[in-house]
Amino acid sequence: MNRKAKTALVLALVAVVAMAFRVSWNALRDVAKAIGADGTAATLYPFVVDGLMALA
């Protein structure tokens, strides 16, 4: 596989990951608000959940 194809594949993967994060953002933020988290914690909660999945 040449360099151009690898770059396109990586960019496509990054796009899919970004879209998945965006879709889960509202749901995770709403869950955090529902359990009583303040605004800052509710905003950071999606990073924690999706970040841990990314690390795994």
PDB file of N, CA and C in Angstrom:
ATOM      1  N   MET A   1       0.854  -1.175   0.000  1.00  0.00           N
ATOM      2  CA  MET A   1       0.000   0.000   0.000  1.00  0.00           C
ATOM      3  C   MET A   1       0.898   1.236   0.000  1.00  0.00           C
ATOM      4  N   ASN A   2       0.608   2.161  -0.886  1.00  0.00           N
ATOM      5  CA  ASN A   2       1.458   3.346  -0.979  1.00  0.00           C
ATOM      6  C   ASN A   2       1.098   4.376   0.097  1.00  0.00           C
ATOM      7  N   ARG A   3       1.918   5.373   0.200  1.00  0.00           N
ATOM      8  CA  ARG A   3       1.759   6.390   1.250  1.00  0.00           C
ATOM      9  C   ARG A   3       0.445   7.154   1.124  1.00  0.00           C
ATOM     10  N   LYS A   4       0.035   7.445  -0.098  1.00  0.00           N
ATOM     11  CA  LYS A   4      -1.199   8.195  -0.328  1.00  0.00           C
ATOM     12  C   LYS A   4      -2.414   7.400   0.155  1.00  0.00           C
ATOM     13  N   ALA A   5      -2.428   6.109  -0.117  1.00  0.00           N
ATOM     14  CA  ALA A   5      -3.533   5.254   0.315  1.00  0.00           C
ATOM     15  C   ALA A   5      -3.577   5.131   1.836  1.00  0.00           C
ATOM     16  N   LYS A   6      -2.410   5.014   2.462  1.00  0.00           N
ATOM     17  CA  LYS A   6      -2.357   4.927   3.923  1.00  0.00           C
ATOM     18  C   LYS A   6      -2.859   6.210   4.557  1.00  0.00           C
ATOM     19  N   THR A   7      -2.478   7.344   3.973  1.00  0.00           N
ATOM     20  CA  THR A   7      -2.931   8.630   4.491  1.00  0.00           C
ATOM     21  C   THR A   7      -4.446   8.753   4.373  1.00  0.00           C
ATOM     22  N   ALA A   8      -4.998   8.344   3.253  1.00  0.00           N
ATOM     23  CA  ALA A   8      -6.450   8.392   3.056  1.00  0.00           C
ATOM     24  C   ALA A   8      -7.170   7.490   4.047  1.00  0.00           C
ATOM     25  N   LEU A   9      -6.606   6.318   4.306  1.00  0.00           N
ATOM     26  CA  LEU A   9      -7.194   5.388   5.262  1.00  0.00           C
ATOM     27  C   LEU A   9      -7.184   5.968   6.671  1.00  0.00           C
ATOM     28  N   VAL A  10      -6.093   6.572   7.075  1.00  0.00           N
ATOM     29  CA  VAL A  10      -6.001   7.181   8.401  1.00  0.00           C
ATOM     30  C   VAL A  10      -6.979   8.342   8.525  1.00  0.00           C
ATOM     31  N   LEU A  11      -7.083   9.171   7.492  1.00  0.00           N
ATOM     32  CA  LEU A  11      -8.024  10.293   7.527  1.00  0.00           C
ATOM     33  C   LEU A  11      -9.471   9.811   7.612  1.00  0.00           C
ATOM     34  N   ALA A  12      -9.785   8.734   6.907  1.00  0.00           N
ATOM     35  CA  ALA A  12     -11.131   8.163   6.982  1.00  0.00           C
ATOM     36  C   ALA A  12     -11.411   7.630   8.383  1.00  0.00           C
ATOM     37  N   LEU A  13     -10.453   6.985   8.989  1.00  0.00           N
ATOM     38  CA  LEU A  13     -10.610   6.470  10.345  1.00  0.00           C
ATOM     39  C   LEU A  13     -10.808   7.603  11.342  1.00  0.00           C
ATOM     40  N   VAL A  14     -10.036   8.656  11.208  1.00  0.00           N
ATOM     41  CA  VAL A  14     -10.177   9.812  12.097  1.00  0.00           C
ATOM     42  C   VAL A  14     -11.562  10.436  11.937  1.00  0.00           C
ATOM     43  N   ALA A  15     -12.056  10.510  10.725  1.00  0.00           N
ATOM     44  CA  ALA A  15     -13.387  11.071  10.479  1.00  0.00           C
ATOM     45  C   ALA A  15     -14.476  10.227  11.141  1.00  0.00           C
ATOM     46  N   VAL A  16     -14.364   8.913  11.036  1.00  0.00           N
ATOM     47  CA  VAL A  16     -15.354   8.022  11.652  1.00  0.00           C
ATOM     48  C   VAL A  16     -15.307   8.145  13.170  1.00  0.00           C
ATOM     49  N   VAL A  17     -14.128   8.193  13.741  1.00  0.00           N
ATOM     50  CA  VAL A  17     -13.986   8.336  15.190  1.00  0.00           C
ATOM     51  C   VAL A  17     -14.567   9.671  15.651  1.00  0.00           C
ATOM     52  N   ALA A  18     -14.303  10.728  14.911  1.00  0.00           N
ATOM     53  CA  ALA A  18     -14.833  12.051  15.276  1.00  0.00           C
ATOM     54  C   ALA A  18     -16.358  12.061  15.218  1.00  0.00           C
ATOM     55  N   MET A  19     -16.930  11.438  14.211  1.00  0.00           N
ATOM     56  CA  MET A  19     -18.391  11.384  14.112  1.00  0.00           C
ATOM     57  C   MET A  19     -18.990  10.558  15.248  1.00  0.00           C
ATOM     58  N   ALA A  20     -18.362   9.461  15.593  1.00  0.00           N
ATOM     59  CA  ALA A  20     -18.857   8.628  16.694  1.00  0.00           C
ATOM     60  C   ALA A  20     -18.791   9.382  18.013  1.00  0.00           C
ATOM     61  N   PHE A  21     -17.715  10.125  18.228  1.00  0.00           N
ATOM     62  CA  PHE A  21     -17.601  10.918  19.455  1.00  0.00           C
ATOM     63  C   PHE A  21     -18.691  11.977  19.500  1.00  0.00           C
ATOM     64  N   ARG A  22     -18.951  12.614  18.376  1.00  0.00           N
ATOM     65  CA  ARG A  22     -19.975  13.662  18.334  1.00  0.00           C
ATOM     66  C   ARG A  22     -21.360  13.100  18.617  1.00  0.00           C
ATOM     67  N   VAL A  23     -21.644  11.917  18.091  1.00  0.00           N
ATOM     68  CA  VAL A  23     -22.943  11.290  18.316  1.00  0.00           C
ATOM     69  C   VAL A  23     -23.115  10.934  19.795  1.00  0.00           C
ATOM     70  N   SER A  24     -22.066  10.442  20.420  1.00  0.00           N
ATOM     71  CA  SER A  24     -22.175  10.034  21.824  1.00  0.00           C
ATOM     72  C   SER A  24     -22.116  11.221  22.781  1.00  0.00           C
ATOM     73  N   TRP A  25     -21.653  12.365  22.309  1.00  0.00           N
ATOM     74  CA  TRP A  25     -21.464  13.533  23.182  1.00  0.00           C
ATOM     75  C   TRP A  25     -22.751  13.921  23.917  1.00  0.00           C
ATOM     76  N   ASN A  26     -23.835  14.132  23.169  1.00  0.00           N
ATOM     77  CA  ASN A  26     -25.088  14.575  23.793  1.00  0.00           C
ATOM     78  C   ASN A  26     -25.625  13.549  24.778  1.00  0.00           C
ATOM     79  N   ALA A  27     -25.584  12.284  24.400  1.00  0.00           N
ATOM     80  CA  ALA A  27     -26.104  11.242  25.285  1.00  0.00           C
ATOM     81  C   ALA A  27     -25.303  11.166  26.578  1.00  0.00           C
ATOM     82  N   LEU A  28     -24.000  11.198  26.482  1.00  0.00           N
ATOM     83  CA  LEU A  28     -23.175  11.105  27.693  1.00  0.00           C
ATOM     84  C   LEU A  28     -23.313  12.349  28.557  1.00  0.00           C
ATOM     85  N   ARG A  29     -23.421  13.509  27.934  1.00  0.00           N
ATOM     86  CA  ARG A  29     -23.596  14.742  28.703  1.00  0.00           C
ATOM     87  C   ARG A  29     -24.946  14.734  29.420  1.00  0.00           C
ATOM     88  N   ASP A  30     -25.992  14.245  28.742  1.00  0.00           N
ATOM     89  CA  ASP A  30     -27.308  14.150  29.363  1.00  0.00           C
ATOM     90  C   ASP A  30     -27.313  13.167  30.524  1.00  0.00           C
ATOM     91  N   VAL A  31     -26.583  12.068  30.379  1.00  0.00           N
ATOM     92  CA  VAL A  31     -26.470  11.105  31.485  1.00  0.00           C
ATOM     93  C   VAL A  31     -25.803  11.764  32.688  1.00  0.00           C
ATOM     94  N   ALA A  32     -24.736  12.505  32.443  1.00  0.00           N
ATOM     95  CA  ALA A  32     -24.037  13.175  33.544  1.00  0.00           C
ATOM     96  C   ALA A  32     -24.949  14.189  34.234  1.00  0.00           C
ATOM     97  N   LYS A  33     -25.724  14.926  33.455  1.00  0.00           N
ATOM     98  CA  LYS A  33     -26.658  15.890  34.051  1.00  0.00           C
ATOM     99  C   LYS A  33     -27.749  15.176  34.838  1.00  0.00           C
ATOM    100  N   ALA A  34     -28.205  14.034  34.337  1.00  0.00           N
ATOM    101  CA  ALA A  34     -29.270  13.284  35.001  1.00  0.00           C
ATOM    102  C   ALA A  34     -28.827  12.739  36.352  1.00  0.00           C
ATOM    103  N   ILE A  35     -27.537  12.445  36.499  1.00  0.00           N
ATOM    104  CA  ILE A  35     -27.065  11.931  37.787  1.00  0.00           C
ATOM    105  C   ILE A  35     -26.613  13.048  38.715  1.00  0.00           C
ATOM    106  N   GLY A  36     -26.808  14.303  38.280  1.00  0.00           N
ATOM    107  CA  GLY A  36     -26.564  15.429  39.170  1.00  0.00           C
ATOM    108  C   GLY A  36     -25.236  16.133  39.008  1.00  0.00           C
ATOM    109  N   ALA A  37     -24.541  15.896  37.924  1.00  0.00           N
ATOM    110  CA  ALA A  37     -23.255  16.562  37.717  1.00  0.00           C
ATOM    111  C   ALA A  37     -23.488  18.028  37.339  1.00  0.00           C
ATOM    112  N   ASP A  38     -22.564  18.888  37.752  1.00  0.00           N
ATOM    113  CA  ASP A  38     -22.674  20.295  37.365  1.00  0.00           C
ATOM    114  C   ASP A  38     -22.275  20.460  35.902  1.00  0.00           C
ATOM    115  N   GLY A  39     -22.356  21.678  35.391  1.00  0.00           N
ATOM    116  CA  GLY A  39     -22.107  21.927  33.976  1.00  0.00           C
ATOM    117  C   GLY A  39     -20.721  21.521  33.510  1.00  0.00           C
ATOM    118  N   THR A  40     -19.708  21.840  34.308  1.00  0.00           N
ATOM    119  CA  THR A  40     -18.335  21.505  33.928  1.00  0.00           C
ATOM    120  C   THR A  40     -18.120  19.999  33.914  1.00  0.00           C
ATOM    121  N   ALA A  41     -18.595  19.335  34.941  1.00  0.00           N
ATOM    122  CA  ALA A  41     -18.441  17.879  35.013  1.00  0.00           C
ATOM    123  C   ALA A  41     -19.202  17.195  33.882  1.00  0.00           C
ATOM    124  N   ALA A  42     -20.394  17.709  33.574  1.00  0.00           N
ATOM    125  CA  ALA A  42     -21.174  17.121  32.485  1.00  0.00           C
ATOM    126  C   ALA A  42     -20.478  17.311  31.141  1.00  0.00           C
ATOM    127  N   THR A  43     -19.767  18.417  30.981  1.00  0.00           N
ATOM    128  CA  THR A  43     -19.036  18.653  29.740  1.00  0.00           C
ATOM    129  C   THR A  43     -17.820  17.742  29.630  1.00  0.00           C
ATOM    130  N   LEU A  44     -17.146  17.471  30.732  1.00  0.00           N
ATOM    131  CA  LEU A  44     -15.948  16.638  30.719  1.00  0.00           C
ATOM    132  C   LEU A  44     -16.244  15.140  30.698  1.00  0.00           C
ATOM    133  N   TYR A  45     -17.429  14.758  31.152  1.00  0.00           N
ATOM    134  CA  TYR A  45     -17.775  13.340  31.246  1.00  0.00           C
ATOM    135  C   TYR A  45     -17.618  12.587  29.923  1.00  0.00           C
ATOM    136  N   PRO A  46     -18.071  13.137  28.780  1.00  0.00           N
ATOM    137  CA  PRO A  46     -17.870  12.395  27.514  1.00  0.00           C
ATOM    138  C   PRO A  46     -16.396  12.151  27.196  1.00  0.00           C
ATOM    139  N   PHE A  47     -15.521  13.092  27.563  1.00  0.00           N
ATOM    140  CA  PHE A  47     -14.089  12.879  27.333  1.00  0.00           C
ATOM    141  C   PHE A  47     -13.573  11.714  28.170  1.00  0.00           C
ATOM    142  N   VAL A  48     -14.064  11.599  29.395  1.00  0.00           N
ATOM    143  CA  VAL A  48     -13.616  10.521  30.279  1.00  0.00           C
ATOM    144  C   VAL A  48     -14.047   9.168  29.723  1.00  0.00           C
ATOM    145  N   VAL A  49     -15.320   9.038  29.400  1.00  0.00           N
ATOM    146  CA  VAL A  49     -15.842   7.754  28.930  1.00  0.00           C
ATOM    147  C   VAL A  49     -15.215   7.367  27.594  1.00  0.00           C
ATOM    148  N   ASP A  50     -15.264   8.272  26.616  1.00  0.00           N
ATOM    149  CA  ASP A  50     -14.716   7.946  25.297  1.00  0.00           C
ATOM    150  C   ASP A  50     -13.192   7.859  25.336  1.00  0.00           C
ATOM    151  N   GLY A  51     -12.561   8.647  26.181  1.00  0.00           N
ATOM    152  CA  GLY A  51     -11.114   8.592  26.319  1.00  0.00           C
ATOM    153  C   GLY A  51     -10.648   7.251  26.867  1.00  0.00           C
ATOM    154  N   LEU A  52     -11.366   6.739  27.857  1.00  0.00           N
ATOM    155  CA  LEU A  52     -11.015   5.433  28.410  1.00  0.00           C
ATOM    156  C   LEU A  52     -11.220   4.330  27.380  1.00  0.00           C
ATOM    157  N   MET A  53     -12.268   4.448  26.574  1.00  0.00           N
ATOM    158  CA  MET A  53     -12.473   3.443  25.514  1.00  0.00           C
ATOM    159  C   MET A  53     -11.358   3.523  24.481  1.00  0.00           C
ATOM    160  N   ALA A  54     -10.909   4.717  24.185  1.00  0.00           N
ATOM    161  CA  ALA A  54      -9.824   4.880  23.213  1.00  0.00           C
ATOM    162  C   ALA A  54      -8.525   4.277  23.748  1.00  0.00           C
ATOM    163  N   LEU A  55      -8.279   4.462  25.030  1.00  0.00           N
ATOM    164  CA  LEU A  55      -7.071   3.899  25.636  1.00  0.00           C
ATOM    165  C   LEU A  55      -7.111   2.379  25.704  1.00  0.00           C
ATOM    166  N   ALA A  56      -8.308   1.842  25.905  1.00  0.00           N
ATOM    167  CA  ALA A  56      -8.441   0.385  25.994  1.00  0.00           C
ATOM    168  C   ALA A  56      -8.164  -0.236  24.645  1.00  0.00           C
TER     169      ALA A  56
END
